N, C-alpha and C. Protein backbone atom coordinates (compact mmCIF):
# COMPACT_ATOMS: atom_id res chain seq x y z
N UNK A 1 -20.78 7.21 -12.56
CA UNK A 1 -20.64 6.08 -11.71
C UNK A 1 -18.95 5.90 -11.25
N UNK A 2 -18.33 6.16 -9.75
CA UNK A 2 -17.06 5.87 -9.47
C UNK A 2 -17.11 4.18 -10.00
N UNK A 3 -16.35 3.82 -10.72
CA UNK A 3 -15.53 2.15 -10.44
C UNK A 3 -15.26 1.91 -8.99
N UNK A 4 -15.34 1.03 -9.13
CA UNK A 4 -15.00 0.23 -7.52
C UNK A 4 -13.44 0.27 -7.24
N UNK A 5 -13.31 0.18 -6.06
CA UNK A 5 -11.52 0.01 -5.93
C UNK A 5 -11.60 -1.16 -5.54
N UNK A 6 -10.28 -2.05 -5.44
CA UNK A 6 -10.02 -3.48 -5.35
C UNK A 6 -8.75 -3.28 -4.18
N UNK A 7 -9.05 -3.80 -2.79
CA UNK A 7 -7.89 -3.91 -1.96
C UNK A 7 -7.39 -5.12 -1.65
N UNK A 8 -6.10 -5.74 -1.51
CA UNK A 8 -5.61 -7.03 -1.08
C UNK A 8 -5.53 -6.69 0.18
N UNK A 9 -5.30 -7.83 0.75
CA UNK A 9 -5.28 -7.40 2.40
C UNK A 9 -4.97 -9.03 2.98
N UNK A 10 -3.54 -9.36 3.00
CA UNK A 10 -2.78 -10.85 3.18
C UNK A 10 -2.96 -10.53 4.76
N UNK A 11 -2.67 -11.77 5.72
CA UNK A 11 -2.42 -11.81 7.12
C UNK A 11 -1.94 -13.12 7.42
N UNK A 12 -0.64 -13.32 7.02
CA UNK A 12 -0.16 -14.17 8.23
C UNK A 12 1.20 -13.91 8.90
N UNK A 13 1.30 -12.95 8.76
CA UNK A 13 2.57 -12.60 9.72
C UNK A 13 2.14 -10.93 10.33
N UNK A 14 3.68 -10.84 10.90
CA UNK A 14 3.17 -8.97 11.43
C UNK A 14 3.10 -8.38 10.83
N UNK A 15 4.12 -8.32 9.91
CA UNK A 15 3.80 -7.41 9.17
C UNK A 15 2.65 -7.00 8.21
N UNK A 16 2.29 -8.02 7.40
CA UNK A 16 0.90 -8.28 6.91
C UNK A 16 -0.09 -8.27 7.88
N UNK A 17 0.11 -8.54 9.02
CA UNK A 17 -1.26 -8.02 9.63
C UNK A 17 -1.68 -6.53 10.14
N UNK A 18 -0.29 -6.17 10.07
CA UNK A 18 -0.62 -4.55 10.29
C UNK A 18 -0.99 -3.87 9.03
N UNK A 19 -0.25 -4.25 8.44
CA UNK A 19 -0.99 -3.76 6.78
C UNK A 19 -2.77 -4.02 6.35
N UNK A 20 -3.15 -5.21 6.67
CA UNK A 20 -4.24 -6.03 7.02
C UNK A 20 -4.80 -4.74 7.55
N UNK A 21 -4.75 -4.20 8.94
CA UNK A 21 -5.59 -3.63 10.15
C UNK A 21 -5.58 -2.47 9.31
N UNK A 22 -4.29 -1.42 8.61
CA UNK A 22 -4.44 -0.16 8.50
C UNK A 22 -5.04 -0.21 7.27
N UNK A 23 -4.85 -1.15 6.07
CA UNK A 23 -5.89 -1.15 5.14
C UNK A 23 -7.62 -1.09 5.41
N UNK A 24 -7.84 -1.68 6.46
CA UNK A 24 -8.83 -1.74 6.73
C UNK A 24 -9.45 -0.29 7.30
N UNK A 25 -8.64 0.57 7.62
CA UNK A 25 -9.27 2.09 7.96
C UNK A 25 -9.34 2.70 6.63
N UNK A 26 -8.74 2.32 5.92
CA UNK A 26 -9.30 3.39 4.70
C UNK A 26 -10.37 2.73 4.11
N UNK A 27 -10.37 1.31 3.74
CA UNK A 27 -11.68 0.72 3.46
C UNK A 27 -12.88 1.25 3.73
N UNK A 28 -12.54 1.48 5.55
CA UNK A 28 -13.84 1.64 6.11
C UNK A 28 -14.28 3.74 5.22
N UNK A 29 -13.18 4.11 5.53
CA UNK A 29 -13.34 5.69 4.77
C UNK A 29 -13.95 5.60 3.24
N UNK A 30 -13.67 4.59 2.96
CA UNK A 30 -14.31 4.30 1.43
C UNK A 30 -15.90 4.35 1.20
N UNK A 31 -16.12 3.34 2.18
CA UNK A 31 -17.33 2.52 1.94
C UNK A 31 -18.10 3.89 2.88
N UNK A 32 -17.62 4.50 3.62
CA UNK A 32 -18.46 6.13 4.04
C UNK A 32 -18.66 7.09 2.89
N UNK A 33 -18.06 6.77 1.96
CA UNK A 33 -17.72 8.37 1.05
C UNK A 33 -18.45 7.55 -0.08
N UNK A 34 -19.43 5.64 0.05
CA UNK A 34 -20.39 5.02 -1.16
C UNK A 34 -19.76 4.80 -1.97
N UNK A 35 -18.21 4.51 -1.49
CA UNK A 35 -16.91 3.99 -2.75
C UNK A 35 -17.32 2.56 -2.65
N UNK A 36 -17.40 1.52 -3.59
CA UNK A 36 -17.57 0.37 -3.52
C UNK A 36 -16.44 -0.39 -3.36
N UNK A 37 -16.10 -1.19 -2.55
CA UNK A 37 -14.68 -1.82 -2.45
C UNK A 37 -14.95 -3.21 -2.47
N UNK A 38 -13.87 -3.64 -3.47
CA UNK A 38 -13.49 -5.38 -3.53
C UNK A 38 -12.83 -5.69 -2.82
N UNK A 39 -12.82 -5.90 -1.60
CA UNK A 39 -12.04 -6.76 -0.37
C UNK A 39 -11.51 -8.06 -0.45
N UNK A 40 -10.48 -8.20 -1.41
CA UNK A 40 -9.80 -9.60 -1.12
C UNK A 40 -9.06 -9.79 0.09
N UNK A 41 -9.49 -10.82 0.84
CA UNK A 41 -8.61 -11.43 1.85
C UNK A 41 -8.57 -13.00 1.95
N UNK A 42 -8.14 -13.55 2.94
CA UNK A 42 -8.46 -15.02 3.14
C UNK A 42 -10.01 -15.38 3.40
N UNK A 43 -10.52 -16.65 2.43
CA UNK A 43 -9.83 -17.50 1.69
C UNK A 43 -10.03 -17.02 0.28
N UNK A 44 -9.90 -15.90 -0.15
CA UNK A 44 -10.46 -15.22 -1.56
C UNK A 44 -9.27 -14.53 -2.15
N UNK A 45 -8.07 -14.35 -1.23
CA UNK A 45 -7.02 -13.32 -1.84
C UNK A 45 -6.00 -14.83 -2.35
N UNK A 46 -6.79 -15.13 -3.68
CA UNK A 46 -6.27 -16.26 -4.86
C UNK A 46 -5.65 -15.39 -5.74
N UNK A 47 -5.09 -16.08 -7.00
CA UNK A 47 -4.85 -15.75 -8.27
C UNK A 47 -5.90 -15.58 -8.75
N UNK A 48 -6.64 -16.49 -8.90
CA UNK A 48 -7.91 -16.66 -9.45
C UNK A 48 -9.23 -15.64 -8.97
N UNK A 49 -9.36 -15.44 -7.76
CA UNK A 49 -10.02 -14.38 -8.08
C UNK A 49 -9.89 -12.67 -7.71
N UNK A 50 -8.54 -12.80 -7.52
CA UNK A 50 -8.10 -11.39 -8.01
C UNK A 50 -8.09 -11.02 -9.60
N UNK A 51 -7.46 -12.21 -10.55
CA UNK A 51 -7.69 -11.93 -11.98
C UNK A 51 -9.53 -11.57 -12.63
N UNK A 52 -10.03 -12.68 -11.96
CA UNK A 52 -11.52 -12.71 -12.17
C UNK A 52 -12.29 -11.21 -11.38
N UNK A 53 -11.49 -10.77 -10.38
CA UNK A 53 -12.07 -9.47 -9.65
C UNK A 53 -12.14 -8.60 -10.80
N UNK A 54 -10.29 -8.10 -11.27
CA UNK A 54 -9.95 -7.08 -12.43
C UNK A 54 -10.87 -7.11 -13.72
N UNK A 55 -11.25 -8.57 -14.02
CA UNK A 55 -11.66 -8.59 -15.16
C UNK A 55 -13.14 -8.42 -15.41
N UNK A 56 -13.69 -8.70 -14.09
CA UNK A 56 -15.26 -8.64 -14.34
C UNK A 56 -15.93 -7.15 -13.34
N UNK A 57 -15.19 -6.80 -12.53
CA UNK A 57 -15.62 -5.63 -11.84
C UNK A 57 -15.05 -4.57 -12.64
N UNK A 58 -13.69 -4.74 -13.02
CA UNK A 58 -12.98 -3.57 -13.68
C UNK A 58 -12.60 -2.35 -12.57
N UNK A 59 -11.84 -2.08 -11.61
CA UNK A 59 -11.71 -1.35 -10.76
C UNK A 59 -10.87 -0.86 -11.58
N UNK A 60 -11.15 0.47 -11.11
CA UNK A 60 -10.12 1.79 -11.69
C UNK A 60 -8.89 1.97 -10.90
N UNK A 61 -8.79 1.75 -9.27
CA UNK A 61 -7.94 2.25 -8.23
C UNK A 61 -7.42 0.29 -7.75
N UNK A 62 -6.17 -0.07 -7.80
CA UNK A 62 -5.88 -0.75 -6.46
C UNK A 62 -5.21 -0.94 -5.72
N UNK A 63 -5.44 -1.42 -4.75
CA UNK A 63 -4.48 -1.17 -3.82
C UNK A 63 -3.81 -2.56 -3.17
N UNK A 64 -2.51 -2.58 -2.98
CA UNK A 64 -1.83 -3.75 -2.33
C UNK A 64 -1.81 -3.60 -1.21
N UNK A 65 -1.62 -4.53 -0.35
CA UNK A 65 -0.94 -4.37 0.88
C UNK A 65 -0.34 -5.98 1.02
N UNK A 66 0.68 -6.28 0.53
CA UNK A 66 1.65 -7.59 0.59
C UNK A 66 2.98 -7.36 0.56
N UNK A 67 3.25 -8.46 1.12
CA UNK A 67 4.88 -8.72 0.73
C UNK A 67 5.26 -8.33 -1.13
N UNK A 68 6.41 -8.06 -1.42
CA UNK A 68 6.78 -8.13 -2.77
C UNK A 68 8.20 -7.88 -3.06
N UNK A 69 8.48 -8.11 -4.45
CA UNK A 69 9.74 -7.82 -4.62
C UNK A 69 9.91 -7.28 -6.40
N UNK A 70 11.15 -7.15 -6.88
CA UNK A 70 11.19 -6.26 -7.41
C UNK A 70 10.22 -6.78 -8.83
N UNK A 71 9.70 -7.76 -9.15
CA UNK A 71 8.78 -8.32 -10.39
C UNK A 71 7.76 -8.61 -9.86
N UNK A 72 7.34 -8.98 -8.69
CA UNK A 72 6.22 -9.72 -8.31
C UNK A 72 5.49 -8.75 -6.78
N UNK A 73 4.24 -9.01 -7.07
CA UNK A 73 3.54 -8.95 -5.83
C UNK A 73 2.51 -9.81 -5.37
N UNK A 74 2.57 -10.26 -3.87
CA UNK A 74 2.64 -11.72 -3.43
C UNK A 74 0.88 -11.43 -2.95
N UNK A 75 -0.11 -12.70 -2.41
CA UNK A 75 -1.13 -12.51 -2.33
C UNK A 75 -1.01 -13.54 -0.87
N UNK A 76 -1.67 -14.37 -0.81
CA UNK A 76 -2.00 -14.84 0.39
C UNK A 76 -1.17 -16.02 0.67
N UNK A 77 -0.90 -16.66 1.78
CA UNK A 77 0.42 -17.56 1.44
C UNK A 77 -0.48 -18.82 1.93
N UNK A 78 0.02 -19.86 0.84
CA UNK A 78 -0.97 -21.24 0.88
C UNK A 78 -0.29 -22.43 1.25
N UNK A 79 -0.28 -22.47 2.52
CA UNK A 79 0.26 -23.91 3.08
C UNK A 79 1.94 -22.88 3.23
N UNK A 80 3.20 -23.31 2.94
CA UNK A 80 4.10 -22.78 2.83
C UNK A 80 5.00 -21.59 2.10
N UNK A 81 3.48 -21.63 1.16
CA UNK A 81 4.39 -21.06 0.02
C UNK A 81 3.19 -19.47 -0.15
N UNK A 82 3.94 -18.71 -0.74
CA UNK A 82 2.82 -17.37 -1.04
C UNK A 82 2.70 -17.53 -2.39
N UNK A 83 1.53 -17.02 -2.28
CA UNK A 83 1.10 -16.78 -4.29
C UNK A 83 1.13 -15.89 -4.99
N UNK A 84 1.60 -15.88 -5.72
CA UNK A 84 1.80 -14.88 -6.75
C UNK A 84 0.44 -14.14 -7.56
N UNK A 85 0.25 -12.93 -6.73
CA UNK A 85 -0.83 -12.21 -7.97
C UNK A 85 -0.39 -11.65 -8.83
N UNK A 86 0.62 -10.46 -8.84
CA UNK A 86 1.54 -10.06 -10.16
C UNK A 86 2.48 -10.42 -10.26
N UNK A 87 2.88 -11.11 -11.73
CA UNK A 87 4.17 -11.32 -12.17
C UNK A 87 4.83 -10.70 -13.33
N UNK A 88 5.79 -9.72 -13.40
CA UNK A 88 6.32 -8.88 -14.60
C UNK A 88 6.29 -10.03 -15.78
N UNK A 89 5.92 -9.28 -16.79
CA UNK A 89 5.87 -10.41 -17.88
C UNK A 89 4.78 -11.85 -18.01
N UNK A 90 4.49 -11.73 -16.88
CA UNK A 90 3.31 -12.95 -16.72
C UNK A 90 2.15 -12.17 -17.10
N UNK A 91 1.59 -11.34 -15.88
CA UNK A 91 0.14 -10.95 -16.02
C UNK A 91 0.00 -9.48 -15.83
N UNK A 92 1.12 -8.83 -15.75
CA UNK A 92 1.34 -7.34 -15.37
C UNK A 92 0.57 -6.54 -15.99
N UNK A 93 -0.01 -6.82 -17.42
CA UNK A 93 -1.08 -6.47 -17.94
C UNK A 93 -2.25 -5.87 -17.03
N UNK A 94 -2.55 -6.36 -16.64
CA UNK A 94 -3.68 -6.70 -15.26
C UNK A 94 -3.91 -5.20 -14.63
N UNK A 95 -2.77 -4.07 -14.77
CA UNK A 95 -2.83 -2.95 -13.90
C UNK A 95 -2.42 -1.86 -15.07
N UNK A 96 -2.66 -2.44 -16.48
CA UNK A 96 -2.43 -1.25 -17.23
C UNK A 96 -3.42 -0.61 -16.87
N UNK A 97 -3.04 1.00 -17.62
CA UNK A 97 -4.34 1.62 -17.77
C UNK A 97 -4.81 2.17 -15.86
N UNK A 98 -4.47 1.37 -14.66
CA UNK A 98 -5.01 1.49 -13.31
C UNK A 98 -4.31 2.70 -12.74
N UNK A 99 -5.11 3.35 -11.64
CA UNK A 99 -4.30 3.88 -10.95
C UNK A 99 -4.42 2.74 -9.40
N UNK A 100 -2.74 2.37 -9.39
CA UNK A 100 -2.11 1.66 -8.39
C UNK A 100 -1.24 2.01 -7.48
N UNK A 101 -1.59 1.72 -5.99
CA UNK A 101 -0.52 1.89 -4.94
C UNK A 101 -0.28 0.50 -4.38
N UNK A 102 0.92 0.45 -4.56
CA UNK A 102 1.64 -1.14 -4.08
C UNK A 102 2.38 -0.12 -2.72
N UNK A 103 1.63 -1.00 -1.59
CA UNK A 103 2.20 -1.26 -0.52
C UNK A 103 2.72 -2.18 0.00
N UNK A 104 3.93 -2.44 -0.52
CA UNK A 104 4.64 -3.48 -0.62
C UNK A 104 6.21 -3.50 -0.87
N UNK A 105 7.49 -4.03 -0.87
CA UNK A 105 8.47 -3.97 -1.04
C UNK A 105 9.28 -4.56 -2.36
N UNK A 106 10.00 -3.31 -3.08
CA UNK A 106 10.43 -3.42 -4.41
C UNK A 106 9.47 -2.73 -5.61
N UNK A 107 8.34 -3.09 -5.07
CA UNK A 107 7.47 -3.09 -6.52
C UNK A 107 7.61 -2.21 -7.95
N UNK A 108 8.23 -0.92 -6.87
CA UNK A 108 8.49 0.03 -8.13
C UNK A 108 9.94 -0.14 -8.99
N UNK A 109 10.41 -0.75 -8.41
CA UNK A 109 11.94 -0.75 -8.80
C UNK A 109 12.14 -1.50 -10.07
N UNK A 110 10.68 -2.53 -10.54
CA UNK A 110 10.96 -2.83 -12.05
C UNK A 110 9.18 -3.30 -12.20
N UNK A 111 8.69 -4.00 -11.94
CA UNK A 111 6.81 -4.43 -11.98
C UNK A 111 6.60 -3.26 -11.95
N UNK A 112 6.45 -2.18 -11.42
CA UNK A 112 5.93 -0.67 -11.69
C UNK A 112 6.32 -0.41 -13.04
N UNK A 113 7.45 -0.19 -13.25
CA UNK A 113 8.08 0.32 -14.76
C UNK A 113 7.39 -0.26 -15.78
N UNK A 114 6.88 -1.56 -15.58
CA UNK A 114 6.52 -2.22 -16.87
C UNK A 114 4.98 -1.90 -17.18
N UNK A 115 4.39 -1.67 -16.03
CA UNK A 115 2.84 -1.06 -16.43
C UNK A 115 2.53 -0.23 -17.37
N UNK A 116 1.41 0.16 -17.90
CA UNK A 116 1.47 0.68 -19.24
C UNK A 116 0.59 1.72 -19.07
N UNK A 117 0.02 2.92 -19.55
CA UNK A 117 -0.93 3.34 -19.79
C UNK A 117 -1.55 4.07 -18.28
N UNK A 118 -1.37 4.00 -17.27
CA UNK A 118 -2.02 4.40 -15.93
C UNK A 118 -0.53 5.08 -15.27
N UNK A 119 -1.13 4.63 -13.50
CA UNK A 119 -0.26 5.21 -12.79
C UNK A 119 -0.12 4.36 -11.63
N UNK A 120 1.22 4.02 -11.25
CA UNK A 120 1.31 3.05 -10.81
C UNK A 120 2.77 4.06 -9.33
N UNK A 121 2.07 3.73 -7.72
CA UNK A 121 2.96 4.15 -6.97
C UNK A 121 3.78 3.32 -5.90
N UNK A 122 4.80 2.78 -5.80
CA UNK A 122 5.17 2.02 -4.93
C UNK A 122 6.77 2.34 -4.57
N UNK A 123 7.32 1.54 -3.96
CA UNK A 123 8.33 1.69 -3.58
C UNK A 123 9.36 0.78 -4.38
N UNK A 124 10.83 1.39 -4.50
CA UNK A 124 11.81 1.02 -5.17
C UNK A 124 12.71 0.04 -4.28
N UNK A 125 12.36 0.29 -2.67
CA UNK A 125 13.23 -0.36 -2.18
C UNK A 125 12.22 -1.08 -0.66
N UNK A 126 12.67 -1.66 -0.23
CA UNK A 126 11.95 -2.16 1.14
C UNK A 126 10.92 -1.04 1.81
N UNK A 127 9.69 -1.12 1.94
CA UNK A 127 8.57 -0.60 2.91
C UNK A 127 9.07 -0.82 4.33
N UNK A 128 9.35 -0.24 4.86
CA UNK A 128 9.36 -0.62 6.23
C UNK A 128 8.89 -0.03 7.32
N UNK A 129 8.60 -0.40 8.47
CA UNK A 129 8.06 -0.02 9.57
C UNK A 129 8.21 -0.64 10.57
N UNK A 130 8.11 0.16 12.05
CA UNK A 130 8.68 -0.03 13.16
C UNK A 130 7.44 -0.81 14.01
N UNK A 131 7.50 -1.68 15.10
CA UNK A 131 5.83 -1.95 15.34
C UNK A 131 6.97 -2.15 17.18
N UNK A 132 5.90 -2.00 18.20
CA UNK A 132 6.04 -2.55 19.32
C UNK A 132 5.59 -3.81 19.44
N UNK A 133 6.56 -4.87 20.01
CA UNK A 133 6.11 -6.26 19.64
C UNK A 133 4.90 -6.23 21.04
N UNK A 134 4.82 -5.56 21.76
CA UNK A 134 3.91 -5.88 22.98
C UNK A 134 2.89 -5.82 22.40
N UNK A 135 2.39 -5.43 21.18
CA UNK A 135 0.94 -5.05 20.14
C UNK A 135 1.01 -5.75 19.29
N UNK A 136 1.63 -6.73 18.95
CA UNK A 136 1.60 -7.38 17.61
C UNK A 136 0.82 -7.95 17.00
N UNK A 137 -0.09 -8.20 18.15
CA UNK A 137 -1.88 -9.21 18.07
C UNK A 137 -2.69 -8.07 17.97
N UNK A 138 -2.33 -6.87 18.27
CA UNK A 138 -3.34 -5.60 18.20
C UNK A 138 -2.61 -4.25 17.65
N UNK A 139 -2.87 -4.51 16.32
CA UNK A 139 -1.63 -3.29 15.79
C UNK A 139 -2.78 -1.75 16.18
N UNK A 140 -3.74 -1.86 16.32
CA UNK A 140 -5.04 -0.88 16.70
C UNK A 140 -4.28 0.47 17.66
N UNK A 141 -3.41 -0.82 19.22
CA UNK A 141 -3.10 -0.23 19.78
C UNK A 141 -1.45 0.39 19.99
N UNK A 142 -1.03 0.22 18.82
CA UNK A 142 0.64 0.24 18.39
C UNK A 142 0.61 1.58 18.14
N UNK A 143 0.99 2.39 18.91
CA UNK A 143 1.51 3.91 18.58
C UNK A 143 2.97 4.04 18.00
N UNK A 144 3.60 3.26 17.88
CA UNK A 144 5.04 3.39 17.27
C UNK A 144 4.73 2.78 15.77
N UNK A 145 3.92 1.98 15.39
CA UNK A 145 3.76 1.51 14.17
C UNK A 145 3.04 3.21 13.33
N UNK A 146 2.39 3.61 14.00
CA UNK A 146 1.30 4.68 13.63
C UNK A 146 2.34 5.75 12.79
N UNK A 147 3.44 5.78 13.34
CA UNK A 147 4.61 7.14 12.99
C UNK A 147 4.63 6.27 11.02
N UNK A 148 4.77 5.02 10.74
CA UNK A 148 5.11 5.06 9.19
C UNK A 148 3.94 4.71 8.87
N UNK A 149 3.03 4.12 9.19
CA UNK A 149 1.83 3.50 8.30
C UNK A 149 0.35 4.55 8.30
N UNK A 150 0.62 5.75 9.08
CA UNK A 150 -0.23 6.53 9.16
C UNK A 150 -0.20 7.58 7.85
N UNK A 151 1.57 7.91 7.49
CA UNK A 151 1.66 8.89 6.01
C UNK A 151 1.20 8.01 4.86
N UNK A 152 1.30 6.83 5.04
CA UNK A 152 1.36 5.65 4.01
C UNK A 152 -0.13 5.59 3.54
N UNK A 153 -1.10 5.33 4.88
CA UNK A 153 -2.52 5.62 4.26
C UNK A 153 -3.11 7.12 4.00
N UNK A 154 -2.12 7.58 4.00
CA UNK A 154 -2.79 9.09 3.81
C UNK A 154 -2.63 9.36 1.83
N UNK A 155 -1.78 8.66 1.24
CA UNK A 155 -1.83 8.57 -0.16
C UNK A 155 -3.33 8.06 -0.65
N UNK A 156 -3.91 6.83 0.43
CA UNK A 156 -5.10 6.30 -0.64
C UNK A 156 -5.98 7.33 -0.02
N UNK A 157 -6.38 7.64 1.42
CA UNK A 157 -7.38 8.88 1.65
C UNK A 157 -7.00 10.03 0.80
N UNK A 158 -6.29 10.46 0.66
CA UNK A 158 -5.95 11.94 -0.07
C UNK A 158 -6.43 11.37 -1.96
N UNK A 159 -6.63 10.52 -2.24
CA UNK A 159 -6.57 9.89 -3.52
C UNK A 159 -8.27 9.81 -3.69
N UNK A 160 -9.02 9.44 -2.34
CA UNK A 160 -10.97 9.20 -2.37
C UNK A 160 -10.93 10.97 -2.74
N UNK A 161 -10.14 11.91 -2.14
CA UNK A 161 -10.38 13.27 -1.82
C UNK A 161 -9.93 13.95 -3.43
N UNK A 162 -10.11 12.99 -4.64
CA UNK A 162 -9.71 13.74 -5.65
C UNK A 162 -8.12 14.45 -5.95
N UNK A 163 -7.61 13.82 -5.13
CA UNK A 163 -6.23 14.64 -5.31
C UNK A 163 -5.92 13.77 -6.40
N UNK A 164 -4.76 14.34 -7.34
CA UNK A 164 -3.69 14.01 -7.84
C UNK A 164 -2.69 12.72 -7.43
N UNK A 165 -2.17 11.65 -8.32
CA UNK A 165 -1.46 11.26 -7.72
C UNK A 165 0.01 11.90 -7.15
N UNK A 166 0.35 12.63 -7.58
CA UNK A 166 1.49 13.15 -6.91
C UNK A 166 0.98 13.97 -5.88
N UNK A 167 -0.49 14.73 -5.83
CA UNK A 167 -0.62 15.29 -4.62
C UNK A 167 -0.92 14.54 -3.50
N UNK A 168 -1.03 13.27 -4.03
CA UNK A 168 -1.62 11.94 -2.81
C UNK A 168 -0.12 12.12 -1.85
N UNK A 169 0.82 11.85 -2.67
CA UNK A 169 2.38 11.40 -2.46
C UNK A 169 2.88 12.67 -1.88
N UNK A 170 2.70 13.88 -2.33
CA UNK A 170 3.10 15.08 -2.01
C UNK A 170 2.75 14.88 -0.33
N UNK A 171 1.66 14.95 0.16
CA UNK A 171 0.85 15.33 1.21
C UNK A 171 1.68 14.17 2.25
N UNK A 172 1.58 12.67 1.71
CA UNK A 172 2.38 11.65 2.33
C UNK A 172 3.42 12.28 3.42
N UNK A 173 4.52 12.56 2.21
CA UNK A 173 5.66 13.18 2.28
C UNK A 173 5.63 14.09 3.52
N UNK A 174 4.52 14.83 3.08
CA UNK A 174 4.88 16.10 4.64
C UNK A 174 4.39 15.88 5.73
N UNK A 175 3.60 14.65 5.57
CA UNK A 175 3.37 14.07 6.94
C UNK A 175 4.47 13.30 7.49
N UNK A 176 5.10 12.67 6.73
CA UNK A 176 6.40 12.15 7.43
C UNK A 176 7.41 12.90 7.87
N UNK A 177 7.60 14.09 7.04
CA UNK A 177 8.68 14.97 7.91
C UNK A 177 7.86 15.50 8.56
N UNK A 178 6.84 16.09 9.08
CA UNK A 178 6.16 16.28 10.39
C UNK A 178 6.36 15.52 11.47
N UNK A 179 6.08 14.27 10.99
CA UNK A 179 6.37 13.00 12.01
C UNK A 179 7.66 13.09 12.30
N UNK A 180 8.86 13.33 11.63
CA UNK A 180 10.37 13.30 11.75
C UNK A 180 10.73 14.26 12.74
N UNK A 181 10.09 15.40 12.50
CA UNK A 181 10.47 16.36 13.19
C UNK A 181 9.87 16.27 14.74
N UNK A 182 8.49 15.93 14.91
CA UNK A 182 8.14 15.10 16.44
C UNK A 182 8.87 14.42 17.02
N UNK A 183 9.24 13.58 16.17
CA UNK A 183 10.79 12.33 16.79
C UNK A 183 11.88 12.89 17.33
N UNK A 184 12.04 14.00 16.57
CA UNK A 184 13.59 14.53 16.84
C UNK A 184 13.53 15.39 18.15
N UNK A 185 11.98 15.66 18.64
CA UNK A 185 11.97 16.57 20.13
C UNK A 185 12.22 15.20 21.01
N UNK A 186 12.01 14.24 20.69
CA UNK A 186 11.94 13.12 21.73
C UNK A 186 13.03 11.80 21.31
N UNK A 187 14.28 12.38 20.65
CA UNK A 187 15.00 11.33 19.79
C UNK A 187 16.04 10.85 21.14
N UNK A 188 15.99 11.22 22.12
CA UNK A 188 16.73 10.36 23.36
C UNK A 188 16.09 9.19 23.71
N UNK A 189 14.87 9.17 23.40
CA UNK A 189 13.77 7.48 23.99
C UNK A 189 14.50 6.44 23.18
N UNK A 190 14.22 5.22 23.57
CA UNK A 190 14.67 4.23 22.49
C UNK A 190 13.83 4.01 21.45
N UNK A 191 15.05 3.58 20.17
CA UNK A 191 13.92 3.35 19.08
C UNK A 191 13.74 4.49 18.25
N UNK A 192 13.79 5.36 19.12
CA UNK A 192 13.18 6.55 18.14
C UNK A 192 14.06 7.42 16.88
N UNK A 193 15.84 6.99 17.10
CA UNK A 193 16.49 7.42 15.57
C UNK A 193 16.31 6.53 14.89
N UNK A 194 15.35 5.15 15.00
CA UNK A 194 15.52 4.00 14.04
C UNK A 194 14.28 4.48 13.03
N UNK A 195 13.10 4.83 13.98
CA UNK A 195 12.03 5.10 13.34
C UNK A 195 12.53 6.16 12.11
N UNK A 196 12.73 7.10 12.54
CA UNK A 196 13.29 8.15 11.81
C UNK A 196 13.92 7.83 10.69
N UNK A 197 14.84 6.81 10.80
CA UNK A 197 15.40 6.61 9.25
C UNK A 197 14.57 5.47 8.56
N UNK A 198 13.96 4.92 9.34
CA UNK A 198 12.70 4.22 8.18
C UNK A 198 11.79 5.26 7.72
N UNK A 199 11.14 6.18 8.32
CA UNK A 199 10.78 7.14 7.41
C UNK A 199 11.57 7.81 6.37
N UNK A 200 12.55 8.45 6.67
CA UNK A 200 13.51 8.57 5.69
C UNK A 200 13.59 7.69 4.38
N UNK A 201 13.88 6.51 4.78
CA UNK A 201 14.06 5.71 3.54
C UNK A 201 12.78 5.36 2.67
N UNK A 202 11.07 5.73 3.46
CA UNK A 202 10.14 5.05 2.80
C UNK A 202 9.94 6.52 2.23
N UNK A 203 10.11 7.64 2.25
CA UNK A 203 10.16 8.77 1.44
C UNK A 203 10.83 8.59 0.48
N UNK A 204 11.98 8.35 0.60
CA UNK A 204 13.47 8.33 -0.47
C UNK A 204 12.79 7.58 -1.67
N UNK A 205 12.40 6.36 -1.43
CA UNK A 205 12.11 5.05 -2.10
C UNK A 205 10.45 5.09 -2.84
N UNK A 206 10.01 6.08 -2.56
CA UNK A 206 8.24 6.12 -3.08
C UNK A 206 8.71 6.90 -4.46
N UNK A 207 7.95 6.45 -5.07
CA UNK A 207 8.14 6.47 -6.77
C UNK A 207 6.44 6.49 -7.15
N UNK A 208 6.26 7.17 -8.17
CA UNK A 208 5.15 7.70 -8.81
C UNK A 208 5.86 7.25 -10.23
N UNK A 209 5.48 6.40 -11.10
CA UNK A 209 5.63 5.78 -12.33
C UNK A 209 4.41 6.26 -13.36
N UNK A 210 4.71 6.35 -14.14
CA UNK A 210 3.17 7.22 -14.82
C UNK A 210 2.77 8.56 -14.88
N UNK A 211 1.72 8.35 -14.99
CA UNK A 211 0.31 9.61 -15.12
C UNK A 211 0.43 10.30 -13.47
N UNK A 212 1.36 11.07 -13.12
CA UNK A 212 1.00 11.62 -12.16
C UNK A 212 0.20 12.96 -11.59
N UNK A 213 -0.89 12.84 -13.14
CA UNK A 213 -2.21 14.05 -12.80
C UNK A 213 -3.57 12.91 -12.51
N UNK A 214 -2.70 11.34 -12.88
CA UNK A 214 -4.23 10.63 -12.66
C UNK A 214 -5.18 10.93 -11.54
N UNK A 215 -6.30 10.68 -11.47
CA UNK A 215 -6.86 10.85 -9.95
C UNK A 215 -7.89 9.66 -10.05
N UNK A 216 -8.81 9.22 -9.11
CA UNK A 216 -9.65 8.54 -8.52
C UNK A 216 -11.11 9.42 -8.78
N UNK A 217 -11.31 9.09 -9.88
CA UNK A 217 -13.05 9.59 -9.86
C UNK A 217 -13.86 8.86 -10.37
C-alpha cells in the first residue's frame, strides 16, 4: 500500500499564495490517483502538527511550499514571525530516509545535505518566479507565473508516475528549456528576458542530494 504524502502550504504573501495554489494542483492530482494526502495549511501548519504528522503517519514523500534559507524551511506566519518547521541540527532528522522536494529558497545549500538515507530535491539558491501583479489575488489567472511554476510542479507529477528523482528533475528541466525557447520567440515583449533569466537560475540551482534513483511507490 502506498504511504501518504505530506504537503505544506503556507499562504501569507504573494509568493506563498502562488505556491499554495500550485501545490493544490498536484494535491488534487494525487487524490485522483488514490494517494492519501496530508495537507498542512493554516491553522495546522505548525511545528507541532508537522512533527506529529511525520511521526504518526510516516509519509514517504514530503513536498514543502514555503520560504526557506540555507538551514531552515518555514511554515505558517504566526503574528509577525515565521514558524520554523525544519532546522538543521535541531530536527532535520525528521527528513532522514524520506523523498523530499523543497520548493523554497536555499534549502539544498546546507539543510538538504544534512539529511541522510533518502533523497532531497531542492534549490541551492533562491527559487524565483515572476508574477503579473494584476492577478496577484488570483494565481489561477496569471499566465506569467506559469512559465516557472509549471516546470516545478512537473517534478511532483512525475514522481506520482513512479519516475525516479533524477527522471522527474530531468523532465522539469526539459520543460523549462522548452519554455525558454518559446519565450525567445517573443523576447521583445516586456519582462520576457527577465522570465528567461529566472528559469535559467532555477534550472542551474536545482539539486538532487542523496539517492537519485529513489521513487515514490
